[in-house]
Amino acid sequence: MNFTKFRTLVFAIFTMWHLSSACFSQSESFIQTPGKNEILDATKRTHPRLLAGKDDFQQLASNIKTNQLLAEWYKKIHIQGEKILNEPPSTYEIPDGLRLLATSRRILERIYILGLLYQIDHNPQWKERAWLELQAASKFPDWNPRHFLDTAEMAHAFAIGYDWFFHSWTGDQRSTLKNAMVDKGIKLAYEILEKNISWAKVRHNWNQVCNGGIGMAALAILEDEPELCSKILIWILQSIQLPMSDYAPDGAWVEGPGYWDYATSYNTVFLAALFSVLDSDFGLSQLPGFDVTGDFPIYITSPINRTFNYADGSDSPIRAPCLLWLSKHFKKPEYAYYQIHHAKPHPLDLLWYQSLLEPPKPYELETAKLFKHAEIAVFRTSWTNTNAIFVAFKAGDNKVNHSHLDVGTFVMDAQGERWAVDLGADNYNLPGYFGNQRWSYYRLRAEGHNTVVINPDHNPDQDPTASTKIIKFQSSNDRAFAIADLSPAYKIRLSSFKRGVSIVNKQTIIIQDEISAEAPVQFYWFMHTPAKIEIEKSGNLATLSQNNKSLLARILEPKNATFEIMDAKPLPSSPNPPAQAKNTNIRKLSIHMQNISNLRVVVQFTPKVEDSTRHPEIEVLPLSSW
């Protein structure tokens, strides 16, 4: 059996396990977990060693002088560092009564910037300012372990500060930083990992962030606290496999693009630190799907650099230095190409860009992609034209962390504009946002997405436990499409519901719904848009306009259906908590029909090009014939 066939077989076995298993314990492992002695014997005894060593920083200092991109990035980092010099150290602030997270992230960002600048020019001002920041945080009463993300990110900051400034600290300063990491972070994580509770046993971003941040701290002081740190690293290596299994089969992330960034960045930083300190990640990066996870942000970012922001997230482009590490590790130059066009930059952009094995190169990717498990289909007509058509569509699982009731939703770009938008998250501090009031908020409900609502007086408006699948996907030169069976999300209301999304001849988009019900139902079709909407007298034609661009909309079926314009707010029968977002400057193109038992709704969208006011003629076929 050749390697390709063997890898395919292993991948299939892993995927079958992943889809059938709902639990994972520390006794189960897909990598050979090292023992204490193996970890301690492999530990490099020099500093700096987290993510980069002395030679790496020296090489970077040299490359900044000769590489234009690195020089530009370094100049931006330097400007940020000078700004930090004039800012006071962070203080213990929990403005929402729950999270210290903003403070932890500010300290982490500052320490990375000051640490990089110090390693490049050795100016003591960077070290002195870093000490003020770290000393202040070391005196905090705690790092807010009840919201352990705060603790983990602070531990990450202290790990970088301890290691990158190691030889400039006095013995007392090193002890202060080490003791803070142990007492305010590592020991608390030890109890959680030992009992396999809380974030240690979940499959979402909390696992990677908490394990990653604490893992960085353990790697920083490994030889000073060998028993404690080696044991916690063994547990982390076991625990982090849980969320990493969710990258299978194709690298997508069910929590949405923003949480792909958060989870994958921490996951990758920890793997990179394992290599830099222990010369191995013990096989973690070889778990199925992780090698192609860089495909995900590339595909779900549109030609106008807006993501398909399903779940709790914004549509801002992903800026993830980890793509540069993934680019090198998996020999994927397109990952680096994406990141260098989106970087802010971050200090890790500089470190990881300089180590690339081959230069970034433009995308040589298919224009359509299906991501299984996440159940996302993405289509575009070009990788190089900012006016290209882009449509992304999801089925998916309403139970996953940060999910909305959004199966069937889509976003749509054309002519350099986003026409169908996802409103994204609401305020995390709203009452019950992550609890029993979650489905009362408009932005989280089906009616707040570009999907269908049936009998809106039945709440919630999709089944929160439903898992739905894309059942057919195809791409060719003249047509690309996906069909999803969304029936489980509407099982109380409908006996069947399938939605198909297609781009035909690279010039027009079709959204086709086929429903059947045992008893007559009320039907709403929604598309949220920032565009001005004008409906023609016939009712089945509409023109959407924004920024001197136009999109034509036409109802092909049923013949008696008409468009309506609605506000982006709850229907009269829906919950309407007073504090939720008002969605100003957004309206809904909608279709409303009553007493429906069997229905096919077909809506066509065509970008208006030059003086064209006509839709290409499309033959309507049942989804079973697509």
Foldseek 3Di string as FASTA:
>chain_A
DDPVVVVVVVQVVLVVCVVVDDFADLVDDPFDQDALVLQVVLFDPDFPQQLDHLVLLVVLLVVLVPPPLSVVVLVVLVVVLVVLLPDAADAQDDPLVADSQVNLVVLQQLLQSLLSVCSNPVDCSSLVSNLRNQVRVLPPPAQRCVLPLSQLSNLQSLLSNCGSCVVVDDPVSNVSSLVSLVPRALVVVLVCLVVVDDLLTDQFQSLLSNLLSNLSNLSSCCVVCSVSSSVSPSSSLSSNVRNLSLLPAAQADLQFDVRSQRRVLSNLSSQSRCCRGRVGSRCSCVRHRNLRNLVHLLQQQALLRFGQGAFADGRHRRAHLSLLVSCQVNVPLQSLVVNSVPDPDGSSNSSSNVPHPDHRDHDPDDQWDADPQSAKIWGWDDPPDSQIKIKIAGAFFLQDPRHALAHGFMWIGGHNDTFFDQPHRWDPSDPQCVHDCVLQALSRANLSGQAKFKAVLDPPRWPSGDGWHFDDWDDDQFKTKIKIWNCNRCVVFFPTKMWMWMDGNSFKIKIKMKTAHPWKIKMKGKTKGLFDWDADPLQQWIWTDDPRWIKIKGKPPDSPKGWDKAASADDPSGRHDPPIDRPPSMIITMIIDTRDGITMIMMMMGTDDDPDPDDDDDDDDPPVVD
